[in-house]
Structures are given as structure tokens and as C-alpha cells.
Amino acid sequence: MIFLIISIICSVIVSVLLKLARRYKIGVVQAVTWNYLFAAGLAFFFFKPNCEDLHLKNVNGIVVLLGVLLPIVFWFLAVSVRNIGIVKTDISQRLSLFIPILAAYFLFGDTFSALKIAGFIVGFTAIIFTLAKQSSKQPLIENWLYPIVVFFGFGLIDVLFKQLSQIKYLPYTTSLIMVFVISFIVSLGGIAYLRFVKMEKIQLINFVCGCVLGFFNFFNILFYLKAHSAMADNPSTVFTAMNLGVIIAGTLVGILIFKEKLSRLNYVGLFLAGIAIVLITIAQVNAV
């Protein structure tokens, strides 16, 4: 259970760092770029891959697509945290679990039980309630677009990671290193645009913050994998605890530390999100 707790803490810290970026004028694009370089280095150190496997011939379409999507969705995550807060963004990210389940139904012939359908209905209701805004001061694009992109983006990334885990000719950890490297290369394009078009300076503080972000980002993944290994007979426990843990911890941090304001509808959405995750998890367990 300690692995799971550490993973939850690291996940919430990533959101906190993105929230603080605006306050301390950290360049998010630059920080996210160095985050992937540092994460790739940590992955290489901890996973100790066979260098012969790190070859261009082993780079497949799934690895490339993940490498491109990760930084783009991460940028939207950062903007969402900055504009609508940690609570709503974390809920949008965690409820993205519906996307791979839908993919399993439409693409891989999975079946839907009444419990799973109920989970979907409650989940989508939770999204609407969570993102509901009583005041119209905040632009629609900020309140809805960013978290919706986070929702679908992380859902698609989850589907692709599941596909990546099915590849037999290459260790999953080696594929993960390749994904990080490609994400870094893609992110360099963002830095080049800011440097040569927007004339933004490359600053050491952004590099340092990016390394800190990469540290927690990587250990979030590492300890999540360790939790699954340690609790191999109870994957649903890991899955449920991770999602609910991040939502609860993120909510406490957002409200108590950053004084994020939630309406009654938002609190209802938060409660429904927890119910939806539990329903989906029970349905998945019963289906096995």
C-alpha cells in the first residue's frame, strides 16, 4: 500500500507544481520539455534497458503517437490547472478512465453490464456537475475546453499505453523510455517556436523546475507500476485507490491550500465522481 500512497502523493505534487508555475512565472512549455528529458534519464537509470533494444527499428506507431500526445495533453493539463484549478482538472483526468472502457467495447468486443452502464451515466453527470460554473465571469473556453481536452487526451493515452503493454517483442519499460525521448524531441519544437518566434529566453529556472516536475512525474509512474506488482492479485484495488486517492487528495490541496472555490453543484459532481469510479471498478471485477 505504501507504493500506492507514494504514487498518489507524486501525482498530486505534479498538479501543485503546475498550479504554482503561474505564481512564480515559470515557463510551462520549457518546464514540460525538460521534464521529459529528466524522466527519460531516470527511467534509463532505474529500468536499466538493454541498449540493443533502444533502436529505431523498434520504434512503432504507438510509441510515436504516445510521444507526440503526452506533451500536448500535458500542456493542456497545465493550462487547465492554472485556469480552473487542481480539483476540477484532477477529476477530469481521472474520469478519463471511461475512454479505454468504451474502446474495449467498440474496438475489442467487450460487453457492458448494467452496473458499468450505470457507472458511465453517473460519471458523465459528475463531469457536468464538476465543471458547472454559477458565475459567467470565466470564459467558456477556460471552464470547458481545457478540462474536456484533458479528459479525452488522457483517455486516448490510456488506450495507447494498454496497447503498448501488449507488445511482446519489446519490454514495456524500454518502450516507456522511447516514449519519453520522443516526447522530449516533440517538446523541443515548442521551445524553438517560443525562442525564435516569440523571442522568449531559455531560462535556467525553467530547466530546474522541469527536472523537479520530471522527478515526481516519473516516480508517480514507477510506484504505480510497483503497486500493481506488489498487489498483483488485486489490480482493481490499486485502480480504485489510485483514482479516488488522487481526487480526494487533490480536492483537499485545492480547497485548503489554494482556496479554490467550489459551488454546491461542484461538490455533488465530486461525490458522483467517486461513486462512478467505484461502480466501474466493481463492474470490471465482476466481468473477470
C-alpha atoms as a PDB file:
ATOM      1  CA  MET A   1       0.000   0.000   0.000  1.00  0.00           C
ATOM      2  CA  ILE A   2       2.970   2.317   0.613  1.00  0.00           C
ATOM      3  CA  PHE A   3       3.787   2.261  -3.116  1.00  0.00           C
ATOM      4  CA  LEU A   4       0.257   3.405  -3.894  1.00  0.00           C
ATOM      5  CA  ILE A   5       0.377   6.213  -1.339  1.00  0.00           C
ATOM      6  CA  ILE A   6       3.682   7.492  -2.759  1.00  0.00           C
ATOM      7  CA  SER A   7       2.249   7.365  -6.291  1.00  0.00           C
ATOM      8  CA  ILE A   8      -0.813   9.380  -5.218  1.00  0.00           C
ATOM      9  CA  ILE A   9       1.385  11.953  -3.469  1.00  0.00           C
ATOM     10  CA  CYS A  10       3.613  12.315  -6.549  1.00  0.00           C
ATOM     11  CA  SER A  11       0.578  12.720  -8.822  1.00  0.00           C
ATOM     12  CA  VAL A  12      -0.880  15.492  -6.662  1.00  0.00           C
ATOM     13  CA  ILE A  13       2.517  17.207  -6.364  1.00  0.00           C
ATOM     14  CA  VAL A  14       2.689  17.373 -10.179  1.00  0.00           C
ATOM     15  CA  SER A  15      -0.632  19.267 -10.164  1.00  0.00           C
ATOM     16  CA  VAL A  16       0.595  21.533  -7.363  1.00  0.00           C
ATOM     17  CA  LEU A  17       3.778  22.369  -9.303  1.00  0.00           C
ATOM     18  CA  LEU A  18       1.727  23.240 -12.389  1.00  0.00           C
ATOM     19  CA  LYS A  19      -0.514  25.416 -10.219  1.00  0.00           C
ATOM     20  CA  LEU A  20       2.489  27.256  -8.761  1.00  0.00           C
ATOM     21  CA  ALA A  21       4.046  27.810 -12.195  1.00  0.00           C
ATOM     22  CA  ARG A  22       1.872  30.842 -12.881  1.00  0.00           C
ATOM     23  CA  ARG A  23       2.556  32.434  -9.499  1.00  0.00           C
ATOM     24  CA  TYR A  24       6.330  32.213  -9.943  1.00  0.00           C
ATOM     25  CA  LYS A  25       6.284  32.981 -13.678  1.00  0.00           C
ATOM     26  CA  ILE A  26       7.644  29.594 -14.727  1.00  0.00           C
ATOM     27  CA  GLY A  27       7.549  28.880 -18.464  1.00  0.00           C
ATOM     28  CA  VAL A  28       5.329  25.797 -18.631  1.00  0.00           C
ATOM     29  CA  VAL A  29       6.385  24.783 -22.160  1.00  0.00           C
ATOM     30  CA  GLN A  30      10.047  24.890 -21.182  1.00  0.00           C
ATOM     31  CA  ALA A  31       9.446  23.090 -17.875  1.00  0.00           C
ATOM     32  CA  VAL A  32       7.409  20.325 -19.536  1.00  0.00           C
ATOM     33  CA  THR A  33      10.177  19.832 -22.112  1.00  0.00           C
ATOM     34  CA  TRP A  34      12.933  19.341 -19.521  1.00  0.00           C
ATOM     35  CA  ASN A  35      10.508  17.212 -17.510  1.00  0.00           C
ATOM     36  CA  TYR A  36      10.559  14.549 -20.235  1.00  0.00           C
ATOM     37  CA  LEU A  37      14.350  14.664 -20.592  1.00  0.00           C
ATOM     38  CA  PHE A  38      14.772  14.147 -16.842  1.00  0.00           C
ATOM     39  CA  ALA A  39      12.084  11.433 -16.750  1.00  0.00           C
ATOM     40  CA  ALA A  40      13.833   9.591 -19.607  1.00  0.00           C
ATOM     41  CA  GLY A  41      17.127   9.748 -17.695  1.00  0.00           C
ATOM     42  CA  LEU A  42      15.515   8.395 -14.520  1.00  0.00           C
ATOM     43  CA  ALA A  43      13.774   5.640 -16.483  1.00  0.00           C
ATOM     44  CA  PHE A  44      17.085   4.630 -18.074  1.00  0.00           C
ATOM     45  CA  PHE A  45      18.747   4.561 -14.631  1.00  0.00           C
ATOM     46  CA  PHE A  46      16.045   2.581 -12.808  1.00  0.00           C
ATOM     47  CA  PHE A  47      14.870   0.247 -15.585  1.00  0.00           C
ATOM     48  CA  LYS A  48      18.357  -0.481 -16.988  1.00  0.00           C
ATOM     49  CA  PRO A  49      17.176  -1.390 -20.506  1.00  0.00           C
ATOM     50  CA  ASN A  50      19.126  -3.459 -22.993  1.00  0.00           C
ATOM     51  CA  CYS A  51      20.776  -0.805 -25.171  1.00  0.00           C
ATOM     52  CA  GLU A  52      20.308  -3.018 -28.226  1.00  0.00           C
ATOM     53  CA  ASP A  53      16.540  -2.675 -27.781  1.00  0.00           C
ATOM     54  CA  LEU A  54      16.806   1.119 -27.968  1.00  0.00           C
ATOM     55  CA  HIS A  55      16.950   1.079 -31.745  1.00  0.00           C
ATOM     56  CA  LEU A  56      14.938   2.952 -34.360  1.00  0.00           C
ATOM     57  CA  LYS A  57      13.682  -0.335 -35.792  1.00  0.00           C
ATOM     58  CA  ASN A  58      11.788  -0.935 -32.528  1.00  0.00           C
ATOM     59  CA  VAL A  59      10.024   2.421 -32.638  1.00  0.00           C
ATOM     60  CA  ASN A  60       6.442   1.633 -33.682  1.00  0.00           C
ATOM     61  CA  GLY A  61       3.420   3.806 -34.403  1.00  0.00           C
ATOM     62  CA  ILE A  62       2.031   3.505 -30.869  1.00  0.00           C
ATOM     63  CA  VAL A  63       5.308   4.733 -29.347  1.00  0.00           C
ATOM     64  CA  VAL A  64       5.420   7.691 -31.746  1.00  0.00           C
ATOM     65  CA  LEU A  65       1.772   8.633 -31.169  1.00  0.00           C
ATOM     66  CA  LEU A  66       2.235   8.489 -27.399  1.00  0.00           C
ATOM     67  CA  GLY A  67       5.401  10.545 -27.672  1.00  0.00           C
ATOM     68  CA  VAL A  68       3.506  13.237 -29.567  1.00  0.00           C
ATOM     69  CA  LEU A  69       0.341  13.196 -27.449  1.00  0.00           C
ATOM     70  CA  LEU A  70       1.949  13.247 -23.999  1.00  0.00           C
ATOM     71  CA  PRO A  71       3.489  16.742 -24.146  1.00  0.00           C
ATOM     72  CA  ILE A  72       0.475  18.235 -25.934  1.00  0.00           C
ATOM     73  CA  VAL A  73      -2.004  16.879 -23.381  1.00  0.00           C
ATOM     74  CA  PHE A  74       0.396  17.795 -20.569  1.00  0.00           C
ATOM     75  CA  TRP A  75       0.383  21.414 -21.797  1.00  0.00           C
ATOM     76  CA  PHE A  76      -3.418  21.416 -21.723  1.00  0.00           C
ATOM     77  CA  LEU A  77      -3.282  19.888 -18.231  1.00  0.00           C
ATOM     78  CA  ALA A  78      -1.027  22.735 -17.099  1.00  0.00           C
ATOM     79  CA  VAL A  79      -3.315  25.388 -18.604  1.00  0.00           C
ATOM     80  CA  SER A  80      -6.377  23.708 -17.084  1.00  0.00           C
ATOM     81  CA  VAL A  81      -4.821  23.595 -13.597  1.00  0.00           C
ATOM     82  CA  ARG A  82      -3.827  27.244 -13.943  1.00  0.00           C
ATOM     83  CA  ASN A  83      -7.267  28.423 -15.085  1.00  0.00           C
ATOM     84  CA  ILE A  84      -9.866  26.246 -13.360  1.00  0.00           C
ATOM     85  CA  GLY A  85      -7.845  24.702 -10.536  1.00  0.00           C
ATOM     86  CA  ILE A  86      -6.498  21.385  -9.291  1.00  0.00           C
ATOM     87  CA  VAL A  87      -9.837  19.922  -8.149  1.00  0.00           C
ATOM     88  CA  LYS A  88     -11.719  20.119 -11.452  1.00  0.00           C
ATOM     89  CA  THR A  89      -8.685  19.199 -13.550  1.00  0.00           C
ATOM     90  CA  ASP A  90      -7.851  16.105 -11.477  1.00  0.00           C
ATOM     91  CA  ILE A  91     -11.456  14.911 -11.701  1.00  0.00           C
ATOM     92  CA  SER A  92     -11.444  15.384 -15.492  1.00  0.00           C
ATOM     93  CA  GLN A  93      -8.199  13.435 -15.723  1.00  0.00           C
ATOM     94  CA  ARG A  94      -9.352  10.580 -13.502  1.00  0.00           C
ATOM     95  CA  LEU A  95     -12.762  10.200 -15.148  1.00  0.00           C
ATOM     96  CA  SER A  96     -10.939   9.723 -18.469  1.00  0.00           C
ATOM     97  CA  LEU A  97     -10.925   6.031 -17.478  1.00  0.00           C
ATOM     98  CA  PHE A  98     -14.230   5.848 -19.384  1.00  0.00           C
ATOM     99  CA  ILE A  99     -12.411   6.253 -22.706  1.00  0.00           C
ATOM    100  CA  PRO A 100     -10.418   2.973 -22.576  1.00  0.00           C
ATOM    101  CA  ILE A 101     -13.513   1.145 -21.336  1.00  0.00           C
ATOM    102  CA  LEU A 102     -15.501   2.477 -24.302  1.00  0.00           C
ATOM    103  CA  ALA A 103     -12.626   1.497 -26.586  1.00  0.00           C
ATOM    104  CA  ALA A 104     -12.734  -2.031 -25.169  1.00  0.00           C
ATOM    105  CA  TYR A 105     -16.436  -2.209 -26.063  1.00  0.00           C
ATOM    106  CA  PHE A 106     -16.345  -0.724 -29.564  1.00  0.00           C
ATOM    107  CA  LEU A 107     -12.917  -1.942 -30.707  1.00  0.00           C
ATOM    108  CA  PHE A 108     -12.295  -5.176 -28.841  1.00  0.00           C
ATOM    109  CA  GLY A 109     -15.782  -6.649 -28.365  1.00  0.00           C
ATOM    110  CA  ASP A 110     -16.066  -6.150 -24.605  1.00  0.00           C
ATOM    111  CA  THR A 111     -19.543  -6.377 -23.074  1.00  0.00           C
ATOM    112  CA  PHE A 112     -21.327  -3.819 -20.895  1.00  0.00           C
ATOM    113  CA  SER A 113     -23.169  -4.836 -17.735  1.00  0.00           C
ATOM    114  CA  ALA A 114     -25.959  -2.781 -16.191  1.00  0.00           C
ATOM    115  CA  LEU A 115     -23.530  -1.756 -13.437  1.00  0.00           C
ATOM    116  CA  LYS A 116     -20.994  -0.474 -15.949  1.00  0.00           C
ATOM    117  CA  ILE A 117     -23.658   1.492 -17.825  1.00  0.00           C
ATOM    118  CA  ALA A 118     -24.781   2.995 -14.515  1.00  0.00           C
ATOM    119  CA  GLY A 119     -21.172   3.955 -13.834  1.00  0.00           C
ATOM    120  CA  PHE A 120     -20.962   5.752 -17.172  1.00  0.00           C
ATOM    121  CA  ILE A 121     -24.180   7.673 -16.579  1.00  0.00           C
ATOM    122  CA  VAL A 122     -23.082   8.727 -13.093  1.00  0.00           C
ATOM    123  CA  GLY A 123     -19.614   9.581 -14.389  1.00  0.00           C
ATOM    124  CA  PHE A 124     -20.734  11.857 -17.189  1.00  0.00           C
ATOM    125  CA  THR A 125     -23.192  13.510 -14.813  1.00  0.00           C
ATOM    126  CA  ALA A 126     -20.256  14.059 -12.463  1.00  0.00           C
ATOM    127  CA  ILE A 127     -18.284  15.804 -15.215  1.00  0.00           C
ATOM    128  CA  ILE A 128     -21.154  18.194 -15.961  1.00  0.00           C
ATOM    129  CA  PHE A 129     -21.677  18.981 -12.273  1.00  0.00           C
ATOM    130  CA  THR A 130     -17.973  19.349 -11.567  1.00  0.00           C
ATOM    131  CA  LEU A 131     -17.386  21.810 -14.403  1.00  0.00           C
ATOM    132  CA  ALA A 132     -20.612  23.731 -13.798  1.00  0.00           C
ATOM    133  CA  LYS A 133     -19.948  27.401 -13.101  1.00  0.00           C
ATOM    134  CA  GLN A 134     -22.537  29.576 -11.387  1.00  0.00           C
ATOM    135  CA  SER A 135     -20.759  32.772 -12.435  1.00  0.00           C
ATOM    136  CA  SER A 136     -20.335  33.679 -16.103  1.00  0.00           C
ATOM    137  CA  LYS A 137     -17.191  35.757 -15.491  1.00  0.00           C
ATOM    138  CA  GLN A 138     -14.872  32.978 -16.612  1.00  0.00           C
ATOM    139  CA  PRO A 139     -14.716  32.453 -20.400  1.00  0.00           C
ATOM    140  CA  LEU A 140     -16.418  29.307 -21.678  1.00  0.00           C
ATOM    141  CA  ILE A 141     -13.187  28.148 -23.353  1.00  0.00           C
ATOM    142  CA  GLU A 142     -11.383  28.133 -19.985  1.00  0.00           C
ATOM    143  CA  ASN A 143     -14.105  26.416 -17.994  1.00  0.00           C
ATOM    144  CA  TRP A 144     -14.927  23.669 -20.501  1.00  0.00           C
ATOM    145  CA  LEU A 145     -12.409  23.296 -23.347  1.00  0.00           C
ATOM    146  CA  TYR A 146      -9.253  22.677 -21.323  1.00  0.00           C
ATOM    147  CA  PRO A 147     -10.674  20.002 -18.974  1.00  0.00           C
ATOM    148  CA  ILE A 148     -12.504  18.331 -21.873  1.00  0.00           C
ATOM    149  CA  VAL A 149      -9.206  18.066 -23.797  1.00  0.00           C
ATOM    150  CA  VAL A 150      -7.612  16.667 -20.624  1.00  0.00           C
ATOM    151  CA  PHE A 151     -10.464  14.143 -20.341  1.00  0.00           C
ATOM    152  CA  PHE A 152     -10.250  12.855 -23.916  1.00  0.00           C
ATOM    153  CA  GLY A 153      -6.478  13.284 -24.148  1.00  0.00           C
ATOM    154  CA  PHE A 154      -5.629  11.169 -21.128  1.00  0.00           C
ATOM    155  CA  GLY A 155      -8.311   8.662 -22.122  1.00  0.00           C
ATOM    156  CA  LEU A 156      -6.655   8.166 -25.512  1.00  0.00           C
ATOM    157  CA  ILE A 157      -3.221   8.000 -23.880  1.00  0.00           C
ATOM    158  CA  ASP A 158      -4.511   5.278 -21.544  1.00  0.00           C
ATOM    159  CA  VAL A 159      -5.794   3.263 -24.523  1.00  0.00           C
ATOM    160  CA  LEU A 160      -2.426   3.591 -26.264  1.00  0.00           C
ATOM    161  CA  PHE A 161      -0.498   2.578 -23.140  1.00  0.00           C
ATOM    162  CA  LYS A 162      -2.680  -0.519 -22.842  1.00  0.00           C
ATOM    163  CA  GLN A 163      -1.844  -1.337 -26.467  1.00  0.00           C
ATOM    164  CA  LEU A 164       1.830  -0.725 -25.742  1.00  0.00           C
ATOM    165  CA  SER A 165       1.744  -3.249 -22.905  1.00  0.00           C
ATOM    166  CA  GLN A 166       0.542  -5.909 -25.378  1.00  0.00           C
ATOM    167  CA  ILE A 167       3.708  -5.666 -27.487  1.00  0.00           C
ATOM    168  CA  LYS A 168       5.716  -8.845 -26.890  1.00  0.00           C
ATOM    169  CA  TYR A 169       8.981  -8.176 -28.726  1.00  0.00           C
ATOM    170  CA  LEU A 170       9.974  -5.224 -26.538  1.00  0.00           C
ATOM    171  CA  PRO A 171       9.921  -4.764 -22.729  1.00  0.00           C
ATOM    172  CA  TYR A 172       7.285  -2.293 -21.578  1.00  0.00           C
ATOM    173  CA  THR A 173       9.856  -0.254 -19.644  1.00  0.00           C
ATOM    174  CA  THR A 174      12.027   0.096 -22.746  1.00  0.00           C
ATOM    175  CA  SER A 175       9.034   1.334 -24.729  1.00  0.00           C
ATOM    176  CA  LEU A 176       8.355   3.841 -21.939  1.00  0.00           C
ATOM    177  CA  ILE A 177      11.880   5.260 -22.280  1.00  0.00           C
ATOM    178  CA  MET A 178      11.356   5.642 -26.035  1.00  0.00           C
ATOM    179  CA  VAL A 179       8.081   7.468 -25.403  1.00  0.00           C
ATOM    180  CA  PHE A 180       9.796   9.898 -23.023  1.00  0.00           C
ATOM    181  CA  VAL A 181      12.583  10.579 -25.529  1.00  0.00           C
ATOM    182  CA  ILE A 182      10.120  11.265 -28.360  1.00  0.00           C
ATOM    183  CA  SER A 183       8.070  13.498 -26.048  1.00  0.00           C
ATOM    184  CA  PHE A 184      11.231  15.474 -25.297  1.00  0.00           C
ATOM    185  CA  ILE A 185      12.017  15.868 -29.004  1.00  0.00           C
ATOM    186  CA  VAL A 186       8.442  16.989 -29.755  1.00  0.00           C
ATOM    187  CA  SER A 187       8.555  19.435 -26.847  1.00  0.00           C
ATOM    188  CA  LEU A 188      11.766  20.940 -28.222  1.00  0.00           C
ATOM    189  CA  GLY A 189       9.617  22.127 -31.133  1.00  0.00           C
ATOM    190  CA  GLY A 190       7.574  24.168 -28.661  1.00  0.00           C
ATOM    191  CA  ILE A 191      10.718  25.707 -27.199  1.00  0.00           C
ATOM    192  CA  ALA A 192      12.039  26.519 -30.685  1.00  0.00           C
ATOM    193  CA  TYR A 193       8.774  28.304 -31.500  1.00  0.00           C
ATOM    194  CA  LEU A 194       8.895  30.349 -28.307  1.00  0.00           C
ATOM    195  CA  ARG A 195      12.581  31.167 -28.755  1.00  0.00           C
ATOM    196  CA  PHE A 196      12.652  32.155 -32.414  1.00  0.00           C
ATOM    197  CA  VAL A 197       9.076  33.378 -32.991  1.00  0.00           C
ATOM    198  CA  LYS A 198       8.034  34.749 -29.591  1.00  0.00           C
ATOM    199  CA  MET A 199      11.626  35.674 -28.664  1.00  0.00           C
ATOM    200  CA  GLU A 200      11.260  34.043 -25.246  1.00  0.00           C
ATOM    201  CA  LYS A 201      14.516  33.426 -23.392  1.00  0.00           C
ATOM    202  CA  ILE A 202      15.585  29.932 -22.368  1.00  0.00           C
ATOM    203  CA  GLN A 203      15.916  30.259 -18.594  1.00  0.00           C
ATOM    204  CA  LEU A 204      17.740  28.099 -16.063  1.00  0.00           C
ATOM    205  CA  ILE A 205      14.834  28.308 -13.606  1.00  0.00           C
ATOM    206  CA  ASN A 206      12.573  26.609 -16.156  1.00  0.00           C
ATOM    207  CA  PHE A 207      15.133  23.818 -16.558  1.00  0.00           C
ATOM    208  CA  VAL A 208      15.369  23.314 -12.787  1.00  0.00           C
ATOM    209  CA  CYS A 209      11.580  23.324 -12.374  1.00  0.00           C
ATOM    210  CA  GLY A 210      11.263  20.924 -15.310  1.00  0.00           C
ATOM    211  CA  CYS A 211      13.667  18.494 -13.628  1.00  0.00           C
ATOM    212  CA  VAL A 212      11.645  18.673 -10.397  1.00  0.00           C
ATOM    213  CA  LEU A 213       8.460  18.073 -12.401  1.00  0.00           C
ATOM    214  CA  GLY A 214      10.096  15.138 -14.208  1.00  0.00           C
ATOM    215  CA  PHE A 215      11.204  13.664 -10.887  1.00  0.00           C
ATOM    216  CA  PHE A 216       7.675  13.483  -9.481  1.00  0.00           C
ATOM    217  CA  ASN A 217       6.151  12.589 -12.849  1.00  0.00           C
ATOM    218  CA  PHE A 218       8.473   9.601 -13.205  1.00  0.00           C
ATOM    219  CA  PHE A 219       8.091   8.353  -9.625  1.00  0.00           C
ATOM    220  CA  ASN A 220       4.319   8.617  -9.966  1.00  0.00           C
ATOM    221  CA  ILE A 221       4.586   6.077 -12.802  1.00  0.00           C
ATOM    222  CA  LEU A 222       7.293   3.958 -11.126  1.00  0.00           C
ATOM    223  CA  PHE A 223       5.442   3.484  -7.836  1.00  0.00           C
ATOM    224  CA  TYR A 224       2.137   2.921  -9.636  1.00  0.00           C
ATOM    225  CA  LEU A 225       3.791   0.023 -11.502  1.00  0.00           C
ATOM    226  CA  LYS A 226       5.309  -1.223  -8.227  1.00  0.00           C
ATOM    227  CA  ALA A 227       1.881  -1.083  -6.571  1.00  0.00           C
ATOM    228  CA  HIS A 228       0.466  -3.284  -9.325  1.00  0.00           C
ATOM    229  CA  SER A 229       3.371  -5.720  -8.888  1.00  0.00           C
ATOM    230  CA  ALA A 230       3.003  -5.832  -5.095  1.00  0.00           C
ATOM    231  CA  MET A 231      -0.780  -6.277  -5.328  1.00  0.00           C
ATOM    232  CA  ALA A 232      -0.881  -8.395  -8.469  1.00  0.00           C
ATOM    233  CA  ASP A 233      -3.919 -10.333  -7.229  1.00  0.00           C
ATOM    234  CA  ASN A 234      -5.903  -7.144  -6.591  1.00  0.00           C
ATOM    235  CA  PRO A 235      -5.469  -4.830  -9.596  1.00  0.00           C
ATOM    236  CA  SER A 236      -8.936  -3.355  -9.041  1.00  0.00           C
ATOM    237  CA  THR A 237      -7.899  -2.243  -5.553  1.00  0.00           C
ATOM    238  CA  VAL A 238      -4.903  -0.413  -6.996  1.00  0.00           C
ATOM    239  CA  PHE A 239      -7.016   1.110  -9.755  1.00  0.00           C
ATOM    240  CA  THR A 240      -9.777   2.330  -7.434  1.00  0.00           C
ATOM    241  CA  ALA A 241      -7.467   3.549  -4.686  1.00  0.00           C
ATOM    242  CA  MET A 242      -5.312   5.468  -7.155  1.00  0.00           C
ATOM    243  CA  ASN A 243      -8.201   7.303  -8.793  1.00  0.00           C
ATOM    244  CA  LEU A 244     -10.119   8.036  -5.596  1.00  0.00           C
ATOM    245  CA  GLY A 245      -6.909   8.888  -3.758  1.00  0.00           C
ATOM    246  CA  VAL A 246      -5.878  11.494  -6.323  1.00  0.00           C
ATOM    247  CA  ILE A 247      -9.372  13.028  -6.407  1.00  0.00           C
ATOM    248  CA  ILE A 248      -9.606  13.247  -2.601  1.00  0.00           C
ATOM    249  CA  ALA A 249      -6.028  14.461  -2.071  1.00  0.00           C
ATOM    250  CA  GLY A 250      -6.274  16.898  -4.979  1.00  0.00           C
ATOM    251  CA  THR A 251      -9.530  18.270  -3.603  1.00  0.00           C
ATOM    252  CA  LEU A 252      -8.080  18.809  -0.136  1.00  0.00           C
ATOM    253  CA  VAL A 253      -4.990  20.542  -1.541  1.00  0.00           C
ATOM    254  CA  GLY A 254      -7.033  22.686  -3.917  1.00  0.00           C
ATOM    255  CA  ILE A 255      -9.508  23.836  -1.274  1.00  0.00           C
ATOM    256  CA  LEU A 256      -7.284  24.096   1.823  1.00  0.00           C
ATOM    257  CA  ILE A 257      -4.050  25.397   0.297  1.00  0.00           C
ATOM    258  CA  PHE A 258      -5.079  27.219  -2.866  1.00  0.00           C
ATOM    259  CA  LYS A 259      -8.529  28.275  -1.620  1.00  0.00           C
ATOM    260  CA  GLU A 260     -10.238  27.065  -4.794  1.00  0.00           C
ATOM    261  CA  LYS A 261     -13.945  27.870  -4.752  1.00  0.00           C
ATOM    262  CA  LEU A 262     -16.445  25.098  -5.411  1.00  0.00           C
ATOM    263  CA  SER A 263     -20.187  25.508  -5.753  1.00  0.00           C
ATOM    264  CA  ARG A 264     -22.720  23.058  -4.359  1.00  0.00           C
ATOM    265  CA  LEU A 265     -23.040  21.561  -7.829  1.00  0.00           C
ATOM    266  CA  ASN A 266     -19.268  21.051  -7.929  1.00  0.00           C
ATOM    267  CA  TYR A 267     -19.355  19.186  -4.608  1.00  0.00           C
ATOM    268  CA  VAL A 268     -22.165  16.997  -5.944  1.00  0.00           C
ATOM    269  CA  GLY A 269     -20.007  16.309  -9.005  1.00  0.00           C
ATOM    270  CA  LEU A 270     -17.066  15.394  -6.783  1.00  0.00           C
ATOM    271  CA  PHE A 271     -19.226  12.936  -4.839  1.00  0.00           C
ATOM    272  CA  LEU A 272     -20.640  11.437  -8.051  1.00  0.00           C
ATOM    273  CA  ALA A 273     -17.124  11.034  -9.472  1.00  0.00           C
ATOM    274  CA  GLY A 274     -16.191   8.824  -6.533  1.00  0.00           C
ATOM    275  CA  ILE A 275     -19.358   6.742  -6.949  1.00  0.00           C
ATOM    276  CA  ALA A 276     -18.736   6.374 -10.695  1.00  0.00           C
ATOM    277  CA  ILE A 277     -15.196   5.065 -10.181  1.00  0.00           C
ATOM    278  CA  VAL A 278     -16.390   2.543  -7.587  1.00  0.00           C
ATOM    279  CA  LEU A 279     -19.236   1.336  -9.871  1.00  0.00           C
ATOM    280  CA  ILE A 280     -16.911   0.952 -12.862  1.00  0.00           C
ATOM    281  CA  THR A 281     -14.340  -0.920 -10.778  1.00  0.00           C
ATOM    282  CA  ILE A 282     -16.926  -3.327  -9.325  1.00  0.00           C
ATOM    283  CA  ALA A 283     -18.250  -3.953 -12.839  1.00  0.00           C
ATOM    284  CA  GLN A 284     -14.723  -4.684 -14.086  1.00  0.00           C
ATOM    285  CA  VAL A 285     -14.075  -7.111 -11.214  1.00  0.00           C
ATOM    286  CA  ASN A 286     -17.347  -8.969 -11.797  1.00  0.00           C
ATOM    287  CA  ALA A 287     -16.541  -9.240 -15.503  1.00  0.00           C
ATOM    288  CA  VAL A 288     -13.303 -11.126 -14.816  1.00  0.00           C
END
